[in-house]
Amino acid sequence: MQAHLGDFLAIAFYLVVGVVFAVIPILLSHLIVPRSTGRHRDQTYESGMETIGSAWIQFTAAYYIYALIFLAFDVDVLYLFPVTLAYGQYAIRDFVEVVLFVGILSLAIVYAWRKGVFEWKTKE
């Protein structure tokens, strides 16, 4: 019973430390950041340049599909690093698996390309 209590205390400690590390920067930024007032407060700011048109524009669905494809490939590439470090006595088999994985990912890119996801159509 004491061993389980120690495990729960360790988990509670990490939970408290995680919450503290998340809350402290938010509180510090709330205390330190200067407050702005005036007529320019609600204007859109983009790299110090004056905005052209409304900030409320609608993006096409292709923009979101492009973003999801990027996110999926970004995460998938992260899985390649541990696989390359875990090569063992079956290096040939592991290499073939990685090539198949990258090949399937490449097919997804080709499919998106054929569907026109990477072509940006602008409105006049």
N, C-alpha and C. Protein backbone atom coordinates (compact mmCIF):
# COMPACT_ATOMS: atom_id res chain seq x y z
N MET A 1 0.82 -1.19 0.00
CA MET A 1 0.00 0.00 0.00
C MET A 1 0.86 1.26 0.00
N GLN A 2 1.97 1.22 0.73
CA GLN A 2 2.86 2.38 0.80
C GLN A 2 3.52 2.65 -0.56
N ALA A 3 3.81 1.60 -1.32
CA ALA A 3 4.42 1.78 -2.63
C ALA A 3 3.47 2.50 -3.57
N HIS A 4 2.19 2.14 -3.50
CA HIS A 4 1.19 2.80 -4.35
C HIS A 4 1.01 4.26 -3.95
N LEU A 5 1.06 4.53 -2.66
CA LEU A 5 0.93 5.90 -2.19
C LEU A 5 2.08 6.75 -2.70
N GLY A 6 3.28 6.18 -2.70
CA GLY A 6 4.45 6.90 -3.24
C GLY A 6 4.29 7.20 -4.73
N ASP A 7 3.72 6.25 -5.47
CA ASP A 7 3.49 6.47 -6.90
C ASP A 7 2.49 7.59 -7.12
N PHE A 8 1.43 7.58 -6.32
CA PHE A 8 0.42 8.64 -6.46
C PHE A 8 0.97 10.00 -6.07
N LEU A 9 1.82 10.03 -5.06
CA LEU A 9 2.44 11.29 -4.66
C LEU A 9 3.37 11.81 -5.74
N ALA A 10 4.09 10.92 -6.40
CA ALA A 10 4.97 11.34 -7.50
C ALA A 10 4.14 11.92 -8.65
N ILE A 11 3.05 11.28 -8.97
CA ILE A 11 2.17 11.77 -10.04
C ILE A 11 1.57 13.12 -9.65
N ALA A 12 1.13 13.24 -8.40
CA ALA A 12 0.57 14.51 -7.94
C ALA A 12 1.63 15.61 -7.97
N PHE A 13 2.85 15.28 -7.59
CA PHE A 13 3.93 16.27 -7.62
C PHE A 13 4.16 16.76 -9.05
N TYR A 14 4.26 15.85 -10.02
CA TYR A 14 4.47 16.25 -11.41
C TYR A 14 3.29 17.04 -11.95
N LEU A 15 2.09 16.70 -11.52
CA LEU A 15 0.92 17.44 -11.95
C LEU A 15 0.96 18.87 -11.41
N VAL A 16 1.31 19.01 -10.14
CA VAL A 16 1.39 20.35 -9.54
C VAL A 16 2.50 21.16 -10.21
N VAL A 17 3.64 20.56 -10.44
CA VAL A 17 4.74 21.27 -11.10
C VAL A 17 4.34 21.68 -12.51
N GLY A 18 3.65 20.82 -13.23
CA GLY A 18 3.19 21.16 -14.58
C GLY A 18 2.22 22.32 -14.59
N VAL A 19 1.29 22.31 -13.64
CA VAL A 19 0.32 23.40 -13.57
C VAL A 19 1.02 24.71 -13.19
N VAL A 20 1.97 24.63 -12.26
CA VAL A 20 2.69 25.84 -11.86
C VAL A 20 3.48 26.40 -13.04
N PHE A 21 4.16 25.54 -13.79
CA PHE A 21 4.92 26.01 -14.94
C PHE A 21 4.02 26.56 -16.04
N ALA A 22 2.77 26.16 -16.08
CA ALA A 22 1.84 26.70 -17.06
C ALA A 22 1.22 28.01 -16.60
N VAL A 23 0.96 28.13 -15.31
CA VAL A 23 0.25 29.31 -14.79
C VAL A 23 1.19 30.49 -14.57
N ILE A 24 2.41 30.26 -14.12
CA ILE A 24 3.33 31.37 -13.80
C ILE A 24 3.59 32.27 -15.01
N PRO A 25 3.90 31.76 -16.22
CA PRO A 25 4.11 32.68 -17.34
C PRO A 25 2.85 33.49 -17.69
N ILE A 26 1.69 32.89 -17.54
CA ILE A 26 0.45 33.62 -17.84
C ILE A 26 0.27 34.76 -16.85
N LEU A 27 0.49 34.48 -15.56
CA LEU A 27 0.36 35.53 -14.55
C LEU A 27 1.42 36.62 -14.74
N LEU A 28 2.65 36.22 -15.03
CA LEU A 28 3.71 37.21 -15.25
C LEU A 28 3.40 38.10 -16.44
N SER A 29 2.94 37.51 -17.53
CA SER A 29 2.62 38.33 -18.69
C SER A 29 1.46 39.27 -18.41
N HIS A 30 0.52 38.83 -17.62
CA HIS A 30 -0.61 39.69 -17.25
C HIS A 30 -0.15 40.87 -16.39
N LEU A 31 0.84 40.64 -15.54
CA LEU A 31 1.33 41.71 -14.67
C LEU A 31 2.29 42.65 -15.38
N ILE A 32 3.09 42.14 -16.30
CA ILE A 32 4.16 42.93 -16.92
C ILE A 32 3.69 43.69 -18.16
N VAL A 33 2.83 43.10 -18.96
CA VAL A 33 2.44 43.68 -20.25
C VAL A 33 1.77 45.05 -20.07
N PRO A 34 2.20 46.03 -20.85
CA PRO A 34 1.55 47.34 -20.75
C PRO A 34 0.16 47.29 -21.39
N ARG A 35 -0.75 48.03 -20.84
CA ARG A 35 -2.11 48.09 -21.38
C ARG A 35 -2.18 49.20 -22.42
N SER A 36 -2.84 48.92 -23.50
CA SER A 36 -2.98 49.94 -24.55
C SER A 36 -4.40 50.49 -24.53
N THR A 37 -4.49 51.77 -24.77
CA THR A 37 -5.78 52.42 -24.87
C THR A 37 -5.72 53.36 -26.06
N GLY A 38 -6.86 53.78 -26.52
CA GLY A 38 -6.89 54.72 -27.63
C GLY A 38 -7.68 54.19 -28.80
N ARG A 39 -7.68 54.99 -29.86
CA ARG A 39 -8.52 54.63 -31.01
C ARG A 39 -7.91 53.52 -31.86
N HIS A 40 -6.61 53.26 -31.74
CA HIS A 40 -5.96 52.23 -32.56
C HIS A 40 -5.97 50.86 -31.87
N ARG A 41 -6.60 50.75 -30.75
CA ARG A 41 -6.57 49.51 -29.97
C ARG A 41 -7.19 48.33 -30.73
N ASP A 42 -8.30 48.54 -31.40
CA ASP A 42 -9.00 47.43 -32.05
C ASP A 42 -8.60 47.22 -33.50
N GLN A 43 -7.58 47.92 -33.98
CA GLN A 43 -7.15 47.74 -35.35
C GLN A 43 -6.24 46.51 -35.48
N THR A 44 -6.30 45.90 -36.63
CA THR A 44 -5.45 44.75 -36.89
C THR A 44 -4.02 45.21 -37.10
N TYR A 45 -3.08 44.52 -36.48
CA TYR A 45 -1.65 44.85 -36.59
C TYR A 45 -0.94 43.71 -37.28
N GLU A 46 -0.22 44.04 -38.33
CA GLU A 46 0.52 43.01 -39.06
C GLU A 46 1.90 43.54 -39.41
N SER A 47 2.87 43.24 -38.61
CA SER A 47 4.27 43.58 -38.85
C SER A 47 4.48 45.07 -39.06
N GLY A 48 3.72 45.91 -38.42
CA GLY A 48 3.91 47.35 -38.51
C GLY A 48 3.39 47.98 -39.79
N MET A 49 2.75 47.21 -40.64
CA MET A 49 2.25 47.73 -41.91
C MET A 49 0.75 48.00 -41.79
N GLU A 50 0.31 49.00 -42.51
CA GLU A 50 -1.14 49.28 -42.53
C GLU A 50 -1.86 48.13 -43.22
N THR A 51 -3.00 47.75 -42.68
CA THR A 51 -3.76 46.66 -43.27
C THR A 51 -4.53 47.16 -44.49
N ILE A 52 -4.75 46.24 -45.40
CA ILE A 52 -5.52 46.54 -46.60
C ILE A 52 -6.78 45.70 -46.54
N GLY A 53 -7.92 46.31 -46.50
CA GLY A 53 -9.18 45.58 -46.46
C GLY A 53 -9.51 45.10 -45.06
N SER A 54 -10.49 44.25 -45.00
CA SER A 54 -10.98 43.74 -43.73
C SER A 54 -10.09 42.61 -43.23
N ALA A 55 -9.99 42.48 -41.93
CA ALA A 55 -9.24 41.37 -41.34
C ALA A 55 -10.08 40.10 -41.34
N TRP A 56 -11.37 40.22 -41.55
CA TRP A 56 -12.27 39.08 -41.53
C TRP A 56 -12.47 38.56 -42.95
N ILE A 57 -11.49 37.79 -43.42
CA ILE A 57 -11.60 37.20 -44.74
C ILE A 57 -11.82 35.70 -44.60
N GLN A 58 -12.43 35.11 -45.59
CA GLN A 58 -12.68 33.68 -45.55
C GLN A 58 -11.62 32.97 -46.39
N PHE A 59 -11.05 31.94 -45.81
CA PHE A 59 -10.09 31.13 -46.53
C PHE A 59 -10.83 29.97 -47.19
N THR A 60 -10.30 29.50 -48.29
CA THR A 60 -10.91 28.34 -48.94
C THR A 60 -10.58 27.08 -48.14
N ALA A 61 -11.31 26.02 -48.42
CA ALA A 61 -11.07 24.76 -47.73
C ALA A 61 -9.69 24.20 -48.08
N ALA A 62 -9.17 24.56 -49.25
CA ALA A 62 -7.85 24.07 -49.65
C ALA A 62 -6.77 24.55 -48.69
N TYR A 63 -6.94 25.74 -48.13
CA TYR A 63 -5.98 26.25 -47.16
C TYR A 63 -5.92 25.34 -45.94
N TYR A 64 -7.04 24.93 -45.44
CA TYR A 64 -7.08 24.08 -44.26
C TYR A 64 -6.58 22.67 -44.57
N ILE A 65 -6.89 22.16 -45.76
CA ILE A 65 -6.39 20.85 -46.16
C ILE A 65 -4.87 20.90 -46.28
N TYR A 66 -4.35 21.98 -46.84
CA TYR A 66 -2.90 22.17 -46.94
C TYR A 66 -2.27 22.17 -45.55
N ALA A 67 -2.89 22.87 -44.61
CA ALA A 67 -2.37 22.92 -43.24
C ALA A 67 -2.42 21.55 -42.58
N LEU A 68 -3.50 20.80 -42.79
CA LEU A 68 -3.60 19.47 -42.20
C LEU A 68 -2.57 18.51 -42.79
N ILE A 69 -2.33 18.62 -44.09
CA ILE A 69 -1.32 17.78 -44.73
C ILE A 69 0.05 18.10 -44.15
N PHE A 70 0.35 19.40 -44.01
CA PHE A 70 1.63 19.78 -43.42
C PHE A 70 1.76 19.22 -42.01
N LEU A 71 0.72 19.34 -41.21
CA LEU A 71 0.77 18.86 -39.83
C LEU A 71 0.98 17.35 -39.79
N ALA A 72 0.27 16.64 -40.63
CA ALA A 72 0.39 15.18 -40.66
C ALA A 72 1.81 14.76 -41.04
N PHE A 73 2.38 15.39 -42.06
CA PHE A 73 3.72 15.02 -42.48
C PHE A 73 4.76 15.47 -41.47
N ASP A 74 4.53 16.58 -40.81
CA ASP A 74 5.45 17.04 -39.80
C ASP A 74 5.52 16.04 -38.65
N VAL A 75 4.37 15.55 -38.21
CA VAL A 75 4.33 14.58 -37.12
C VAL A 75 4.92 13.25 -37.59
N ASP A 76 4.62 12.84 -38.80
CA ASP A 76 5.13 11.56 -39.30
C ASP A 76 6.64 11.57 -39.43
N VAL A 77 7.20 12.68 -39.83
CA VAL A 77 8.65 12.77 -39.94
C VAL A 77 9.29 12.66 -38.56
N LEU A 78 8.62 13.16 -37.54
CA LEU A 78 9.14 13.01 -36.17
C LEU A 78 9.29 11.55 -35.78
N TYR A 79 8.43 10.69 -36.30
CA TYR A 79 8.52 9.26 -35.97
C TYR A 79 9.68 8.59 -36.69
N LEU A 80 10.24 9.21 -37.71
CA LEU A 80 11.36 8.60 -38.41
C LEU A 80 12.64 8.64 -37.58
N PHE A 81 12.81 9.65 -36.74
CA PHE A 81 14.03 9.75 -35.94
C PHE A 81 14.19 8.60 -34.96
N PRO A 82 13.18 8.25 -34.16
CA PRO A 82 13.36 7.11 -33.26
C PRO A 82 13.57 5.79 -34.02
N VAL A 83 12.94 5.67 -35.18
CA VAL A 83 13.10 4.43 -35.95
C VAL A 83 14.55 4.29 -36.41
N THR A 84 15.14 5.38 -36.86
CA THR A 84 16.53 5.29 -37.31
C THR A 84 17.47 5.00 -36.15
N LEU A 85 17.14 5.44 -34.96
CA LEU A 85 17.98 5.14 -33.80
C LEU A 85 17.79 3.71 -33.31
N ALA A 86 16.69 3.10 -33.65
CA ALA A 86 16.38 1.77 -33.15
C ALA A 86 16.80 0.66 -34.12
N TYR A 87 17.53 1.01 -35.18
CA TYR A 87 18.00 -0.05 -36.08
C TYR A 87 18.82 -1.04 -35.28
N GLY A 88 18.52 -2.28 -35.47
CA GLY A 88 19.23 -3.32 -34.73
C GLY A 88 19.79 -4.35 -35.68
N GLN A 89 19.59 -5.61 -35.35
CA GLN A 89 20.15 -6.67 -36.18
C GLN A 89 19.33 -6.86 -37.45
N TYR A 90 18.13 -6.28 -37.51
CA TYR A 90 17.28 -6.40 -38.70
C TYR A 90 17.29 -5.09 -39.49
N ALA A 91 18.46 -4.59 -39.78
CA ALA A 91 18.60 -3.28 -40.42
C ALA A 91 17.95 -3.25 -41.80
N ILE A 92 18.08 -4.31 -42.56
CA ILE A 92 17.51 -4.35 -43.91
C ILE A 92 15.98 -4.28 -43.82
N ARG A 93 15.39 -5.08 -42.94
CA ARG A 93 13.94 -5.08 -42.77
C ARG A 93 13.44 -3.72 -42.30
N ASP A 94 14.16 -3.13 -41.34
CA ASP A 94 13.77 -1.81 -40.84
C ASP A 94 13.87 -0.75 -41.94
N PHE A 95 14.91 -0.84 -42.75
CA PHE A 95 15.07 0.11 -43.86
C PHE A 95 13.92 -0.02 -44.85
N VAL A 96 13.52 -1.25 -45.15
CA VAL A 96 12.41 -1.49 -46.08
C VAL A 96 11.12 -0.92 -45.50
N GLU A 97 10.92 -1.09 -44.20
CA GLU A 97 9.71 -0.55 -43.57
C GLU A 97 9.69 0.97 -43.65
N VAL A 98 10.84 1.61 -43.44
CA VAL A 98 10.91 3.08 -43.53
C VAL A 98 10.65 3.53 -44.96
N VAL A 99 11.20 2.81 -45.92
CA VAL A 99 10.97 3.17 -47.33
C VAL A 99 9.49 3.01 -47.68
N LEU A 100 8.83 1.96 -47.20
CA LEU A 100 7.40 1.80 -47.43
C LEU A 100 6.60 2.93 -46.77
N PHE A 101 6.99 3.30 -45.56
CA PHE A 101 6.32 4.38 -44.84
C PHE A 101 6.44 5.68 -45.61
N VAL A 102 7.63 6.02 -46.04
CA VAL A 102 7.85 7.25 -46.80
C VAL A 102 7.15 7.16 -48.15
N GLY A 103 7.11 5.98 -48.74
CA GLY A 103 6.41 5.81 -50.02
C GLY A 103 4.92 6.05 -49.90
N ILE A 104 4.32 5.55 -48.82
CA ILE A 104 2.89 5.79 -48.60
C ILE A 104 2.64 7.28 -48.37
N LEU A 105 3.52 7.93 -47.61
CA LEU A 105 3.40 9.38 -47.42
C LEU A 105 3.51 10.12 -48.76
N SER A 106 4.42 9.66 -49.59
CA SER A 106 4.59 10.29 -50.90
C SER A 106 3.34 10.12 -51.75
N LEU A 107 2.69 8.98 -51.65
CA LEU A 107 1.44 8.78 -52.39
C LEU A 107 0.37 9.77 -51.92
N ALA A 108 0.35 10.06 -50.63
CA ALA A 108 -0.60 11.04 -50.12
C ALA A 108 -0.32 12.43 -50.70
N ILE A 109 0.95 12.78 -50.83
CA ILE A 109 1.31 14.07 -51.43
C ILE A 109 0.90 14.11 -52.90
N VAL A 110 1.15 13.03 -53.61
CA VAL A 110 0.77 12.98 -55.03
C VAL A 110 -0.74 13.08 -55.17
N TYR A 111 -1.48 12.41 -54.30
CA TYR A 111 -2.94 12.48 -54.34
C TYR A 111 -3.42 13.91 -54.11
N ALA A 112 -2.86 14.57 -53.11
CA ALA A 112 -3.26 15.96 -52.82
C ALA A 112 -2.87 16.87 -53.98
N TRP A 113 -1.73 16.61 -54.58
CA TRP A 113 -1.28 17.42 -55.72
C TRP A 113 -2.25 17.26 -56.88
N ARG A 114 -2.65 16.02 -57.15
CA ARG A 114 -3.58 15.76 -58.26
C ARG A 114 -4.95 16.38 -58.01
N LYS A 115 -5.34 16.49 -56.75
CA LYS A 115 -6.62 17.10 -56.41
C LYS A 115 -6.55 18.62 -56.42
N GLY A 116 -5.36 19.19 -56.60
CA GLY A 116 -5.22 20.63 -56.70
C GLY A 116 -5.13 21.35 -55.37
N VAL A 117 -4.76 20.65 -54.32
CA VAL A 117 -4.67 21.27 -53.00
C VAL A 117 -3.55 22.33 -52.97
N PHE A 118 -2.49 22.11 -53.72
CA PHE A 118 -1.34 23.00 -53.68
C PHE A 118 -1.44 24.17 -54.65
N GLU A 119 -2.53 24.28 -55.34
CA GLU A 119 -2.73 25.40 -56.28
C GLU A 119 -3.60 26.44 -55.60
N TRP A 120 -3.09 27.64 -55.47
CA TRP A 120 -3.82 28.72 -54.80
C TRP A 120 -4.57 29.52 -55.83
N LYS A 121 -5.88 29.49 -55.72
CA LYS A 121 -6.72 30.29 -56.63
C LYS A 121 -7.10 31.55 -55.87
N THR A 122 -6.74 32.71 -56.43
CA THR A 122 -7.04 33.98 -55.76
C THR A 122 -8.27 34.60 -56.38
N LYS A 123 -9.02 35.28 -55.54
CA LYS A 123 -10.20 36.00 -56.02
C LYS A 123 -9.77 37.39 -56.47
N GLU A 124 -10.37 37.85 -57.51
CA GLU A 124 -10.05 39.20 -58.02
C GLU A 124 -10.84 40.24 -57.29
